[in-house]
Amino acid sequence: MHGLINRSLQSFLRDTYGPALWSRIAEAAGVGAEGFEAMLTYEDSLTDRVIEAAAAALAKPREALLEDMGIYLVSLEPLRRLLRFGGVDYVDFLQTVDELPERARLAVADIGLPDLVLDAPEPDHFTLHFADGHPGFAPVFAGILRAMADDYGAFALVDLDGTRRVKVELLQTGYATGRAFDLARPEGA
């Protein structure tokens, strides 16, 4: 697993649950106290040990923990801004979500995100298929899709359907006022 992904997991756990819990998780998983280096690559088994240790420490199912991580990632303004370039509304965003791994590979060639395929059998039903990759990606993306629906002001049911699919049922596009987004940041911001 790429260090950027592991570092994101570490940041999520530290920021959300505190450095003391992160230290206990790192020790239980066999990660040094300093954590992960963003530009290195680690064995998937180490990532799995961190996830399992975190789930055990928090008494939380693995999938719920990873969904929370996806929601956390959208709370990071630089990533949120990148995701918002996917479209002017949630439907536009969903229709471009399968391009995210390729966009990420433009920045970090060996990032290791899975290939995604979006299927839209009906205008308000979408299924995101994960062709390959670590099974933890699906719940993380479920959290991202859930948080982005809120960000756009859409009302959507996001359901993790196994380890290789996330289903989205769009109930209402203008359910609430979405968060403000401008392509250019205002001066002084």
C-alpha atoms as a PDB file:
ATOM      1  CA  MET A   1       0.000   0.000   0.000  1.00  0.00           C
ATOM      2  CA  HIS A   2       1.319   3.411  -0.902  1.00  0.00           C
ATOM      3  CA  GLY A   3       2.566   5.524   1.981  1.00  0.00           C
ATOM      4  CA  LEU A   4       0.172   8.372   1.113  1.00  0.00           C
ATOM      5  CA  ILE A   5      -2.759   6.072   1.729  1.00  0.00           C
ATOM      6  CA  ASN A   6      -1.273   4.742   4.956  1.00  0.00           C
ATOM      7  CA  ARG A   7      -0.400   8.263   6.056  1.00  0.00           C
ATOM      8  CA  SER A   8      -4.022   9.292   5.399  1.00  0.00           C
ATOM      9  CA  LEU A   9      -5.181   6.427   7.614  1.00  0.00           C
ATOM     10  CA  GLN A  10      -2.734   7.535  10.311  1.00  0.00           C
ATOM     11  CA  SER A  11      -3.882  11.179  10.062  1.00  0.00           C
ATOM     12  CA  PHE A  12      -7.529  10.131  10.261  1.00  0.00           C
ATOM     13  CA  LEU A  13      -6.912   8.091  13.405  1.00  0.00           C
ATOM     14  CA  ARG A  14      -4.728  10.747  15.081  1.00  0.00           C
ATOM     15  CA  ASP A  15      -6.966  13.692  14.204  1.00  0.00           C
ATOM     16  CA  THR A  16     -10.206  11.917  15.076  1.00  0.00           C
ATOM     17  CA  TYR A  17      -9.243   9.833  18.099  1.00  0.00           C
ATOM     18  CA  GLY A  18      -6.061  11.471  19.381  1.00  0.00           C
ATOM     19  CA  PRO A  19      -2.329  10.761  19.389  1.00  0.00           C
ATOM     20  CA  ALA A  20      -2.505   8.426  22.389  1.00  0.00           C
ATOM     21  CA  LEU A  21      -4.866   6.049  20.621  1.00  0.00           C
ATOM     22  CA  TRP A  22      -2.780   6.259  17.445  1.00  0.00           C
ATOM     23  CA  SER A  23       0.305   5.270  19.475  1.00  0.00           C
ATOM     24  CA  ARG A  24      -1.493   2.205  20.875  1.00  0.00           C
ATOM     25  CA  ILE A  25      -2.722   1.215  17.401  1.00  0.00           C
ATOM     26  CA  ALA A  26       0.726   1.710  15.871  1.00  0.00           C
ATOM     27  CA  GLU A  27       2.329  -0.419  18.571  1.00  0.00           C
ATOM     28  CA  ALA A  28      -0.273  -3.178  18.221  1.00  0.00           C
ATOM     29  CA  ALA A  29       0.185  -3.227  14.428  1.00  0.00           C
ATOM     30  CA  GLY A  30       3.991  -3.079  14.501  1.00  0.00           C
ATOM     31  CA  VAL A  31       4.336   0.417  13.065  1.00  0.00           C
ATOM     32  CA  GLY A  32       6.951   2.749  14.497  1.00  0.00           C
ATOM     33  CA  ALA A  33       5.742   5.614  16.688  1.00  0.00           C
ATOM     34  CA  GLU A  34       6.519   8.093  13.884  1.00  0.00           C
ATOM     35  CA  GLY A  35       4.083   6.259  11.614  1.00  0.00           C
ATOM     36  CA  PHE A  36       4.186   6.069   7.860  1.00  0.00           C
ATOM     37  CA  GLU A  37       6.381   7.909   5.390  1.00  0.00           C
ATOM     38  CA  ALA A  38       4.191   9.327   2.625  1.00  0.00           C
ATOM     39  CA  MET A  39       6.410   8.408  -0.329  1.00  0.00           C
ATOM     40  CA  LEU A  40       7.287   4.828   0.622  1.00  0.00           C
ATOM     41  CA  THR A  41       5.393   1.656  -0.165  1.00  0.00           C
ATOM     42  CA  TYR A  42       4.318  -0.810   2.533  1.00  0.00           C
ATOM     43  CA  GLU A  43       3.032  -4.358   2.521  1.00  0.00           C
ATOM     44  CA  ASP A  44      -0.776  -4.545   2.429  1.00  0.00           C
ATOM     45  CA  SER A  45      -0.591  -6.819   5.469  1.00  0.00           C
ATOM     46  CA  LEU A  46       0.776  -3.910   7.540  1.00  0.00           C
ATOM     47  CA  THR A  47      -2.120  -1.694   6.451  1.00  0.00           C
ATOM     48  CA  ASP A  48      -4.522  -4.504   7.351  1.00  0.00           C
ATOM     49  CA  ARG A  49      -2.952  -4.835  10.806  1.00  0.00           C
ATOM     50  CA  VAL A  50      -3.423  -1.097  11.416  1.00  0.00           C
ATOM     51  CA  ILE A  51      -7.063  -1.274  10.313  1.00  0.00           C
ATOM     52  CA  GLU A  52      -7.720  -4.338  12.474  1.00  0.00           C
ATOM     53  CA  ALA A  53      -5.989  -2.800  15.498  1.00  0.00           C
ATOM     54  CA  ALA A  54      -7.987   0.423  15.084  1.00  0.00           C
ATOM     55  CA  ALA A  55     -11.262  -1.452  14.690  1.00  0.00           C
ATOM     56  CA  ALA A  56     -10.514  -3.490  17.810  1.00  0.00           C
ATOM     57  CA  ALA A  57      -9.425  -0.453  19.860  1.00  0.00           C
ATOM     58  CA  LEU A  58     -12.568   1.437  18.880  1.00  0.00           C
ATOM     59  CA  ALA A  59     -14.901  -1.587  19.044  1.00  0.00           C
ATOM     60  CA  LYS A  60     -16.091  -0.584  15.594  1.00  0.00           C
ATOM     61  CA  PRO A  61     -16.647  -2.732  12.496  1.00  0.00           C
ATOM     62  CA  ARG A  62     -13.849  -2.434   9.942  1.00  0.00           C
ATOM     63  CA  GLU A  63     -16.192  -1.161   7.206  1.00  0.00           C
ATOM     64  CA  ALA A  64     -17.661   1.536   9.478  1.00  0.00           C
ATOM     65  CA  LEU A  65     -14.168   2.689  10.439  1.00  0.00           C
ATOM     66  CA  LEU A  66     -13.131   2.938   6.779  1.00  0.00           C
ATOM     67  CA  GLU A  67     -16.349   4.755   5.823  1.00  0.00           C
ATOM     68  CA  ASP A  68     -15.586   7.265   8.566  1.00  0.00           C
ATOM     69  CA  MET A  69     -12.145   7.683   7.044  1.00  0.00           C
ATOM     70  CA  GLY A  70     -13.734   8.532   3.682  1.00  0.00           C
ATOM     71  CA  ILE A  71     -15.899  11.168   5.357  1.00  0.00           C
ATOM     72  CA  TYR A  72     -12.816  12.543   7.124  1.00  0.00           C
ATOM     73  CA  LEU A  73     -10.917  12.818   3.822  1.00  0.00           C
ATOM     74  CA  VAL A  74     -13.638  15.044   2.352  1.00  0.00           C
ATOM     75  CA  SER A  75     -13.331  17.304   5.409  1.00  0.00           C
ATOM     76  CA  LEU A  76      -9.779  18.134   4.313  1.00  0.00           C
ATOM     77  CA  GLU A  77     -10.196  21.280   2.243  1.00  0.00           C
ATOM     78  CA  PRO A  78      -7.502  20.557  -0.394  1.00  0.00           C
ATOM     79  CA  LEU A  79      -9.000  17.132  -1.184  1.00  0.00           C
ATOM     80  CA  ARG A  80     -12.545  18.483  -1.058  1.00  0.00           C
ATOM     81  CA  ARG A  81     -11.576  21.150  -3.605  1.00  0.00           C
ATOM     82  CA  LEU A  82     -10.082  18.526  -5.911  1.00  0.00           C
ATOM     83  CA  LEU A  83     -13.204  16.386  -5.644  1.00  0.00           C
ATOM     84  CA  ARG A  84     -15.483  19.351  -6.367  1.00  0.00           C
ATOM     85  CA  PHE A  85     -13.793  19.763  -9.748  1.00  0.00           C
ATOM     86  CA  GLY A  86     -15.732  16.599 -10.665  1.00  0.00           C
ATOM     87  CA  GLY A  87     -18.893  18.550 -11.459  1.00  0.00           C
ATOM     88  CA  VAL A  88     -21.273  21.363 -10.687  1.00  0.00           C
ATOM     89  CA  ASP A  89     -23.724  19.064  -8.915  1.00  0.00           C
ATOM     90  CA  TYR A  90     -23.751  15.624  -7.319  1.00  0.00           C
ATOM     91  CA  VAL A  91     -24.888  13.855 -10.487  1.00  0.00           C
ATOM     92  CA  ASP A  92     -22.004  15.416 -12.439  1.00  0.00           C
ATOM     93  CA  PHE A  93     -19.658  14.387  -9.657  1.00  0.00           C
ATOM     94  CA  LEU A  94     -20.937  10.797  -9.709  1.00  0.00           C
ATOM     95  CA  GLN A  95     -20.567  10.625 -13.483  1.00  0.00           C
ATOM     96  CA  THR A  96     -16.872  11.496 -13.177  1.00  0.00           C
ATOM     97  CA  VAL A  97     -16.005   9.555 -10.019  1.00  0.00           C
ATOM     98  CA  ASP A  98     -14.602   6.645 -12.044  1.00  0.00           C
ATOM     99  CA  GLU A  99     -11.947   9.051 -13.392  1.00  0.00           C
ATOM    100  CA  LEU A 100     -10.498   9.683  -9.915  1.00  0.00           C
ATOM    101  CA  PRO A 101      -7.896   6.876  -9.939  1.00  0.00           C
ATOM    102  CA  GLU A 102      -6.460   8.071 -13.241  1.00  0.00           C
ATOM    103  CA  ARG A 103      -6.338  11.662 -11.999  1.00  0.00           C
ATOM    104  CA  ALA A 104      -4.553  10.487  -8.850  1.00  0.00           C
ATOM    105  CA  ARG A 105      -2.031   8.553 -10.964  1.00  0.00           C
ATOM    106  CA  LEU A 106      -1.201  11.782 -12.805  1.00  0.00           C
ATOM    107  CA  ALA A 107       0.050  13.201  -9.517  1.00  0.00           C
ATOM    108  CA  VAL A 108       1.445   9.994  -7.955  1.00  0.00           C
ATOM    109  CA  ALA A 109       2.029   7.286 -10.570  1.00  0.00           C
ATOM    110  CA  ASP A 110       2.209   4.374  -8.115  1.00  0.00           C
ATOM    111  CA  ILE A 111      -0.636   5.432  -5.779  1.00  0.00           C
ATOM    112  CA  GLY A 112      -2.375   2.077  -6.224  1.00  0.00           C
ATOM    113  CA  LEU A 113      -6.009   3.183  -6.326  1.00  0.00           C
ATOM    114  CA  PRO A 114      -8.288   0.559  -7.856  1.00  0.00           C
ATOM    115  CA  ASP A 115      -9.832   0.935 -11.271  1.00  0.00           C
ATOM    116  CA  LEU A 116     -13.453   2.040 -10.973  1.00  0.00           C
ATOM    117  CA  VAL A 117     -16.421   1.513 -13.246  1.00  0.00           C
ATOM    118  CA  LEU A 118     -19.617   3.484 -12.780  1.00  0.00           C
ATOM    119  CA  ASP A 119     -22.881   1.919 -13.879  1.00  0.00           C
ATOM    120  CA  ALA A 120     -26.060   4.018 -14.004  1.00  0.00           C
ATOM    121  CA  PRO A 121     -28.990   1.723 -14.875  1.00  0.00           C
ATOM    122  CA  GLU A 122     -31.490   4.504 -14.034  1.00  0.00           C
ATOM    123  CA  PRO A 123     -31.037   8.291 -13.829  1.00  0.00           C
ATOM    124  CA  ASP A 124     -31.110   8.225 -10.019  1.00  0.00           C
ATOM    125  CA  HIS A 125     -29.354   4.892  -9.352  1.00  0.00           C
ATOM    126  CA  PHE A 126     -25.595   4.448  -9.582  1.00  0.00           C
ATOM    127  CA  THR A 127     -23.290   1.555  -8.816  1.00  0.00           C
ATOM    128  CA  LEU A 128     -19.560   2.020  -8.426  1.00  0.00           C
ATOM    129  CA  HIS A 129     -17.673  -1.201  -9.134  1.00  0.00           C
ATOM    130  CA  PHE A 130     -14.140  -1.814  -7.880  1.00  0.00           C
ATOM    131  CA  ALA A 131     -12.350  -3.935 -10.464  1.00  0.00           C
ATOM    132  CA  ASP A 132      -9.318  -4.642  -8.320  1.00  0.00           C
ATOM    133  CA  GLY A 133      -7.374  -3.366  -5.338  1.00  0.00           C
ATOM    134  CA  HIS A 134      -7.560  -3.687  -1.602  1.00  0.00           C
ATOM    135  CA  PRO A 135     -11.048  -4.475  -0.250  1.00  0.00           C
ATOM    136  CA  GLY A 136     -10.803  -1.463   2.072  1.00  0.00           C
ATOM    137  CA  PHE A 137     -11.200   0.959  -0.813  1.00  0.00           C
ATOM    138  CA  ALA A 138     -14.947   0.324  -1.231  1.00  0.00           C
ATOM    139  CA  PRO A 139     -15.922   1.459   2.289  1.00  0.00           C
ATOM    140  CA  VAL A 140     -13.605   4.485   2.049  1.00  0.00           C
ATOM    141  CA  PHE A 141     -15.275   5.476  -1.224  1.00  0.00           C
ATOM    142  CA  ALA A 142     -18.710   4.911   0.356  1.00  0.00           C
ATOM    143  CA  GLY A 143     -17.748   7.502   2.969  1.00  0.00           C
ATOM    144  CA  ILE A 144     -16.449   9.863   0.287  1.00  0.00           C
ATOM    145  CA  LEU A 145     -19.666   9.531  -1.728  1.00  0.00           C
ATOM    146  CA  ARG A 146     -21.783  10.099   1.387  1.00  0.00           C
ATOM    147  CA  ALA A 147     -19.817  13.206   2.386  1.00  0.00           C
ATOM    148  CA  MET A 148     -19.846  14.599  -1.150  1.00  0.00           C
ATOM    149  CA  ALA A 149     -23.642  14.214  -1.319  1.00  0.00           C
ATOM    150  CA  ASP A 150     -23.834  16.404   1.779  1.00  0.00           C
ATOM    151  CA  ASP A 151     -21.297  18.817   0.310  1.00  0.00           C
ATOM    152  CA  TYR A 152     -23.432  19.255  -2.814  1.00  0.00           C
ATOM    153  CA  GLY A 153     -26.667  19.454  -0.804  1.00  0.00           C
ATOM    154  CA  ALA A 154     -28.021  16.226  -2.294  1.00  0.00           C
ATOM    155  CA  PHE A 155     -30.024  13.599  -0.422  1.00  0.00           C
ATOM    156  CA  ALA A 156     -28.633  10.189  -1.352  1.00  0.00           C
ATOM    157  CA  LEU A 157     -28.634   6.714   0.114  1.00  0.00           C
ATOM    158  CA  VAL A 158     -25.139   5.276  -0.116  1.00  0.00           C
ATOM    159  CA  ASP A 159     -24.862   1.559   0.514  1.00  0.00           C
ATOM    160  CA  LEU A 160     -21.747  -0.570   0.666  1.00  0.00           C
ATOM    161  CA  ASP A 161     -22.674  -3.693  -1.277  1.00  0.00           C
ATOM    162  CA  GLY A 162     -19.936  -6.182  -0.461  1.00  0.00           C
ATOM    163  CA  THR A 163     -16.237  -5.473  -0.932  1.00  0.00           C
ATOM    164  CA  ARG A 164     -16.406  -4.528  -4.598  1.00  0.00           C
ATOM    165  CA  ARG A 165     -19.514  -2.317  -4.994  1.00  0.00           C
ATOM    166  CA  VAL A 166     -21.040   0.848  -3.647  1.00  0.00           C
ATOM    167  CA  LYS A 167     -24.613   1.693  -4.593  1.00  0.00           C
ATOM    168  CA  VAL A 168     -26.006   5.216  -4.614  1.00  0.00           C
ATOM    169  CA  GLU A 169     -29.682   6.060  -4.836  1.00  0.00           C
ATOM    170  CA  LEU A 170     -30.169   9.762  -5.433  1.00  0.00           C
ATOM    171  CA  LEU A 171     -33.410  10.817  -3.765  1.00  0.00           C
ATOM    172  CA  GLN A 172     -33.191  14.585  -4.212  1.00  0.00           C
ATOM    173  CA  THR A 173     -30.502  16.770  -5.783  1.00  0.00           C
ATOM    174  CA  GLY A 174     -31.456  20.043  -4.072  1.00  0.00           C
ATOM    175  CA  TYR A 175     -32.309  18.681  -0.644  1.00  0.00           C
ATOM    176  CA  ALA A 176     -30.253  21.273   1.235  1.00  0.00           C
ATOM    177  CA  THR A 177     -27.967  24.156   0.502  1.00  0.00           C
ATOM    178  CA  GLY A 178     -24.597  22.720  -0.452  1.00  0.00           C
ATOM    179  CA  ARG A 179     -21.323  24.093   0.803  1.00  0.00           C
ATOM    180  CA  ALA A 180     -19.998  27.050  -1.132  1.00  0.00           C
ATOM    181  CA  PHE A 181     -17.421  26.313  -3.793  1.00  0.00           C
ATOM    182  CA  ASP A 182     -15.611  28.625  -6.167  1.00  0.00           C
ATOM    183  CA  LEU A 183     -13.001  27.626  -8.717  1.00  0.00           C
ATOM    184  CA  ALA A 184     -10.774  30.456  -7.543  1.00  0.00           C
ATOM    185  CA  ARG A 185     -10.208  31.247  -3.919  1.00  0.00           C
ATOM    186  CA  PRO A 186     -11.151  34.787  -2.944  1.00  0.00           C
ATOM    187  CA  GLU A 187      -8.217  37.126  -2.405  1.00  0.00           C
ATOM    188  CA  GLY A 188      -6.916  37.007   1.126  1.00  0.00           C
ATOM    189  CA  ALA A 189      -8.306  33.511   1.758  1.00  0.00           C
END
